[in-house]
Amino acid sequence: MPHFLIIGAQKCGTTSLYKYLIQHPQVYAASHKELHFFDIYFKKGLEWYYKQFPLIKLNKPIITGESSPYYIFHPHAPKRISNILPNVKLIILLRNPVDRAYSHYYHQVKMKTENLSFKQAINEENNRLQPELIKMLKDEDYYSIPYQYYSYLARGRYIEQLQTWMNFFPTKQFLILKSEDFFSNPNAIFQTVLDFLGISPYQLKEYKKENTNNYPKLDINTKNELYNYYDNHNLKLYNYLGTNFNW
């Protein structure tokens, strides 16, 4: 069973971090990076989930884990994980929510799942998400594509998500990192993660960035609107964590 989970957030560097981790000799990879067990495939059952991880001898200093960045945002994931993996270590990368939202939007455009303009999509977001969330809360087995795909603004309201997660797990089980620090100094953040996981320091030959995409610049008016939108949410986050991310 996994020793650690990278639970989010999406478009914040989770793929790169996981790929770095599985190059460490003490970290064994899961069958694939995003198992999505605690959000999408929970009905497959625990036996299926455990089979996605390598068998590790008890006396070996080896760990394993997975990275599914939808976990942080999924309404049922925190409770499910706390019930099944109460001692798991949780790693979270948080990026400037304006940049994250725009990157997420272009990810959906690239996947051919988004036909609206960015401005239309953020204006429509509440209408797209609210009915879906109600269905998800009523029926744990309901899978919502809109809630996963079109949550551009909602996923950046980190304070709401962290408060939920911290109702289920003690603070010591979280490592919360700023994506911009990871992007600018991957080795330093990588060593911080290794220390948190209790494994030996390790240098990679190269810290290759994964899933980097080029897209048009966000227009200044929309950008300013989004900064205003997130201002209060970010302030609450800084106060809650005792850390100013300077977004």
Protein backbone atom coordinates (compact mmCIF):
# COMPACT_ATOMS: atom_id res chain seq x y z
CA MET A 1 0.00 0.00 0.00
CA PRO A 2 1.21 3.56 -0.64
CA HIS A 3 3.37 5.45 1.84
CA PHE A 4 2.66 8.79 0.15
CA LEU A 5 0.12 10.46 -2.12
CA ILE A 6 0.63 13.58 -4.20
CA ILE A 7 -2.95 14.85 -4.01
CA GLY A 8 -2.74 18.05 -6.07
CA ALA A 9 -3.26 20.51 -7.26
CA GLN A 10 -3.73 19.97 -10.98
CA LYS A 11 -1.39 21.96 -13.29
CA CYS A 12 0.94 22.66 -10.36
CA GLY A 13 3.91 20.39 -11.16
CA THR A 14 2.65 17.07 -9.79
CA THR A 15 3.72 15.04 -12.85
CA SER A 16 7.28 16.36 -12.70
CA LEU A 17 7.57 15.76 -8.96
CA TYR A 18 6.30 12.18 -9.24
CA LYS A 19 8.68 11.43 -12.12
CA TYR A 20 11.59 12.77 -10.05
CA LEU A 21 10.57 10.70 -7.04
CA ILE A 22 10.41 7.39 -8.89
CA GLN A 23 14.01 7.91 -10.06
CA HIS A 24 15.11 7.67 -6.42
CA PRO A 25 16.43 4.16 -5.62
CA GLN A 26 14.25 3.96 -2.49
CA VAL A 27 11.00 4.82 -4.30
CA TYR A 28 9.14 2.19 -6.31
CA ALA A 29 6.55 3.38 -8.83
CA ALA A 30 2.88 2.45 -8.91
CA SER A 31 1.55 0.80 -12.09
CA HIS A 32 0.95 4.33 -13.42
CA LYS A 33 1.10 7.84 -12.02
CA GLU A 34 -2.59 8.75 -11.71
CA LEU A 35 -4.54 5.83 -10.31
CA HIS A 36 -7.60 7.98 -9.51
CA PHE A 37 -8.81 5.34 -7.07
CA PHE A 38 -10.15 7.62 -4.34
CA ASP A 39 -11.98 9.89 -6.78
CA ILE A 40 -13.07 8.06 -9.96
CA TYR A 41 -12.41 4.32 -9.55
CA PHE A 42 -13.35 3.72 -5.93
CA LYS A 43 -15.88 1.08 -6.97
CA LYS A 44 -13.02 -1.11 -8.25
CA GLY A 45 -12.28 -1.96 -4.63
CA LEU A 46 -9.22 -2.10 -2.41
CA GLU A 47 -7.88 -5.32 -3.84
CA TRP A 48 -7.56 -3.67 -7.27
CA TYR A 49 -5.89 -0.61 -5.72
CA TYR A 50 -3.30 -2.56 -3.76
CA LYS A 51 -2.42 -4.55 -6.88
CA GLN A 52 -1.27 -1.30 -8.52
CA PHE A 53 1.69 -1.12 -6.13
CA PRO A 54 4.84 -3.26 -6.01
CA LEU A 55 5.32 -5.76 -3.20
CA ILE A 56 7.88 -4.43 -0.73
CA LYS A 57 9.64 -6.54 1.88
CA LEU A 58 9.06 -5.21 5.38
CA ASN A 59 12.75 -4.93 6.26
CA LYS A 60 13.61 -2.91 3.14
CA PRO A 61 13.87 0.92 3.30
CA ILE A 62 11.68 1.22 0.21
CA ILE A 63 8.52 3.29 -0.22
CA THR A 64 5.88 3.60 -2.92
CA GLY A 65 3.11 6.05 -3.73
CA GLU A 66 1.02 7.66 -6.42
CA SER A 67 -0.01 11.05 -7.70
CA SER A 68 -3.64 11.88 -8.54
CA PRO A 69 -4.12 15.67 -8.49
CA TYR A 70 -7.93 15.44 -8.58
CA TYR A 71 -7.87 14.03 -5.03
CA ILE A 72 -7.45 17.42 -3.37
CA PHE A 73 -10.60 18.75 -5.06
CA HIS A 74 -12.86 15.70 -4.97
CA PRO A 75 -15.56 15.93 -2.25
CA HIS A 76 -15.28 12.27 -1.16
CA ALA A 77 -11.51 11.71 -1.42
CA PRO A 78 -10.40 13.07 2.01
CA LYS A 79 -12.75 10.82 3.98
CA ARG A 80 -12.04 7.76 1.83
CA ILE A 81 -8.29 8.18 2.18
CA SER A 82 -8.44 8.82 5.93
CA ASN A 83 -10.50 5.63 6.39
CA ILE A 84 -8.14 3.45 4.35
CA LEU A 85 -4.73 5.14 4.71
CA PRO A 86 -4.89 7.07 8.00
CA ASN A 87 -1.10 7.43 8.27
CA VAL A 88 -0.29 8.23 4.64
CA LYS A 89 1.95 11.23 3.89
CA LEU A 90 0.24 13.86 1.75
CA ILE A 91 2.16 16.11 -0.63
CA ILE A 92 0.50 19.20 -2.09
CA LEU A 93 1.83 21.65 -4.69
CA LEU A 94 0.02 25.00 -4.90
CA ARG A 95 0.50 27.42 -7.80
CA ASN A 96 -0.67 30.99 -8.30
CA PRO A 97 -4.39 30.25 -8.84
CA VAL A 98 -4.69 32.68 -11.77
CA ASP A 99 -1.91 30.89 -13.67
CA ARG A 100 -3.31 27.52 -12.62
CA ALA A 101 -6.81 28.33 -13.90
CA TYR A 102 -5.52 29.52 -17.27
CA SER A 103 -3.23 26.50 -17.67
CA HIS A 104 -6.11 24.18 -16.72
CA TYR A 105 -8.35 25.84 -19.32
CA TYR A 106 -5.80 25.30 -22.11
CA HIS A 107 -5.33 21.71 -20.98
CA GLN A 108 -9.05 21.12 -21.58
CA VAL A 109 -8.88 22.93 -24.94
CA LYS A 110 -5.97 20.70 -25.95
CA MET A 111 -7.98 17.63 -24.86
CA LYS A 112 -10.86 18.91 -27.07
CA THR A 113 -13.26 18.96 -24.11
CA GLU A 114 -13.74 22.75 -23.91
CA ASN A 115 -15.48 24.82 -26.60
CA LEU A 116 -16.04 28.07 -24.70
CA SER A 117 -13.61 30.98 -24.57
CA PHE A 118 -11.75 31.37 -21.27
CA LYS A 119 -13.92 34.34 -20.30
CA GLN A 120 -17.13 32.43 -21.12
CA ALA A 121 -15.89 29.36 -19.26
CA ILE A 122 -15.17 31.22 -16.02
CA ASN A 123 -18.49 33.08 -16.26
CA GLU A 124 -20.32 29.78 -16.77
CA GLU A 125 -18.36 27.83 -14.18
CA ASN A 126 -20.83 28.05 -11.33
CA ASN A 127 -23.72 26.97 -13.56
CA ARG A 128 -21.68 24.03 -14.81
CA LEU A 129 -20.42 22.88 -11.41
CA GLN A 130 -23.13 23.52 -8.84
CA PRO A 131 -25.73 20.98 -10.09
CA GLU A 132 -22.93 18.41 -10.47
CA LEU A 133 -21.68 18.87 -6.92
CA ILE A 134 -25.22 18.34 -5.60
CA LYS A 135 -25.42 15.05 -7.55
CA MET A 136 -22.00 13.96 -6.26
CA LEU A 137 -22.94 14.66 -2.65
CA LYS A 138 -26.21 12.75 -3.04
CA ASP A 139 -24.62 9.75 -4.74
CA GLU A 140 -21.02 8.77 -3.93
CA ASP A 141 -20.82 6.66 -7.09
CA TYR A 142 -21.81 9.49 -9.42
CA TYR A 143 -18.96 10.51 -11.73
CA SER A 144 -19.12 14.09 -12.96
CA ILE A 145 -17.16 15.10 -16.04
CA PRO A 146 -18.00 18.85 -15.70
CA TYR A 147 -16.85 18.92 -12.07
CA GLN A 148 -13.51 17.43 -13.05
CA TYR A 149 -12.98 19.32 -16.31
CA TYR A 150 -14.47 22.79 -15.84
CA SER A 151 -13.41 23.67 -12.28
CA TYR A 152 -10.98 26.38 -13.36
CA LEU A 153 -11.67 28.87 -10.57
CA ALA A 154 -12.91 26.46 -7.91
CA ARG A 155 -9.73 24.39 -7.83
CA GLY A 156 -7.74 27.54 -7.07
CA ARG A 157 -9.73 28.28 -3.91
CA TYR A 158 -7.14 26.29 -2.00
CA ILE A 159 -8.23 27.40 1.45
CA GLU A 160 -11.58 25.58 1.11
CA GLN A 161 -9.88 22.34 0.11
CA LEU A 162 -7.14 22.45 2.75
CA GLN A 163 -9.58 23.13 5.57
CA THR A 164 -11.55 20.05 4.53
CA TRP A 165 -8.45 17.86 4.35
CA MET A 166 -7.14 19.08 7.69
CA ASN A 167 -10.36 17.96 9.34
CA PHE A 168 -9.32 14.41 8.46
CA PHE A 169 -5.53 14.43 8.90
CA PRO A 170 -3.07 16.03 11.36
CA THR A 171 -0.87 18.84 10.05
CA LYS A 172 2.30 16.73 10.40
CA GLN A 173 1.11 14.44 7.58
CA PHE A 174 1.08 17.29 5.04
CA LEU A 175 3.88 18.81 3.03
CA ILE A 176 2.56 21.93 1.29
CA LEU A 177 4.85 23.40 -1.37
CA LYS A 178 4.72 26.48 -3.57
CA SER A 179 4.83 25.46 -7.23
CA GLU A 180 6.79 28.53 -8.25
CA ASP A 181 9.60 27.49 -5.85
CA PHE A 182 9.53 24.02 -7.37
CA PHE A 183 9.69 25.40 -10.92
CA SER A 184 12.59 27.75 -10.15
CA ASN A 185 14.61 25.43 -7.89
CA PRO A 186 13.48 21.83 -8.41
CA ASN A 187 16.48 20.28 -6.68
CA ALA A 188 15.93 22.17 -3.41
CA ILE A 189 12.23 21.27 -3.30
CA PHE A 190 13.02 17.68 -4.27
CA GLN A 191 15.37 17.39 -1.26
CA THR A 192 12.62 18.83 0.99
CA VAL A 193 10.24 16.13 -0.27
CA LEU A 194 12.81 13.36 0.32
CA ASP A 195 13.35 14.60 3.86
CA PHE A 196 9.58 14.65 4.49
CA LEU A 197 9.34 11.06 3.19
CA GLY A 198 12.22 9.96 5.42
CA ILE A 199 14.49 8.73 2.63
CA SER A 200 18.09 9.58 1.80
CA PRO A 201 19.10 12.72 -0.13
CA TYR A 202 19.52 12.10 -3.84
CA GLN A 203 20.57 14.27 -6.79
CA LEU A 204 19.07 13.77 -10.22
CA LYS A 205 21.19 14.41 -13.29
CA GLU A 206 18.39 16.43 -14.82
CA TYR A 207 15.16 18.00 -13.55
CA LYS A 208 13.11 17.85 -16.72
CA LYS A 209 9.82 19.73 -16.72
CA GLU A 210 6.79 17.66 -17.72
CA ASN A 211 3.55 18.82 -19.39
CA THR A 212 4.78 22.29 -20.31
CA ASN A 213 2.48 23.94 -22.83
CA ASN A 214 2.57 27.16 -24.80
CA TYR A 215 -0.62 29.18 -25.07
CA PRO A 216 -1.61 32.83 -25.71
CA LYS A 217 -1.04 35.38 -22.96
CA LEU A 218 -4.00 36.08 -20.70
CA ASP A 219 -5.40 39.54 -21.42
CA ILE A 220 -4.67 42.08 -18.70
CA ASN A 221 -8.31 42.90 -17.84
CA THR A 222 -9.27 39.27 -17.26
CA LYS A 223 -6.03 38.77 -15.34
CA ASN A 224 -6.81 41.68 -13.02
CA GLU A 225 -10.38 40.44 -12.52
CA LEU A 226 -9.03 37.05 -11.47
CA TYR A 227 -6.47 38.58 -9.09
CA ASN A 228 -9.33 40.49 -7.47
CA TYR A 229 -11.43 37.33 -7.35
CA TYR A 230 -8.70 35.37 -5.55
CA ASP A 231 -7.48 38.16 -3.26
CA ASN A 232 -9.59 37.25 -0.26
CA HIS A 233 -9.24 33.49 -0.77
CA ASN A 234 -5.45 33.84 -0.90
CA LEU A 235 -5.37 36.03 2.20
CA LYS A 236 -7.35 33.41 4.13
CA LEU A 237 -4.93 30.75 2.88
CA TYR A 238 -1.87 32.73 4.02
CA ASN A 239 -3.40 33.30 7.46
CA TYR A 240 -4.43 29.65 7.77
CA LEU A 241 -1.00 28.27 6.85
CA GLY A 242 1.05 31.08 8.36
CA THR A 243 2.82 31.42 4.99
CA ASN A 244 2.60 34.22 2.45
CA PHE A 245 2.83 32.80 -1.08
CA ASN A 246 3.00 36.33 -2.56
CA TRP A 247 0.43 35.72 -5.27
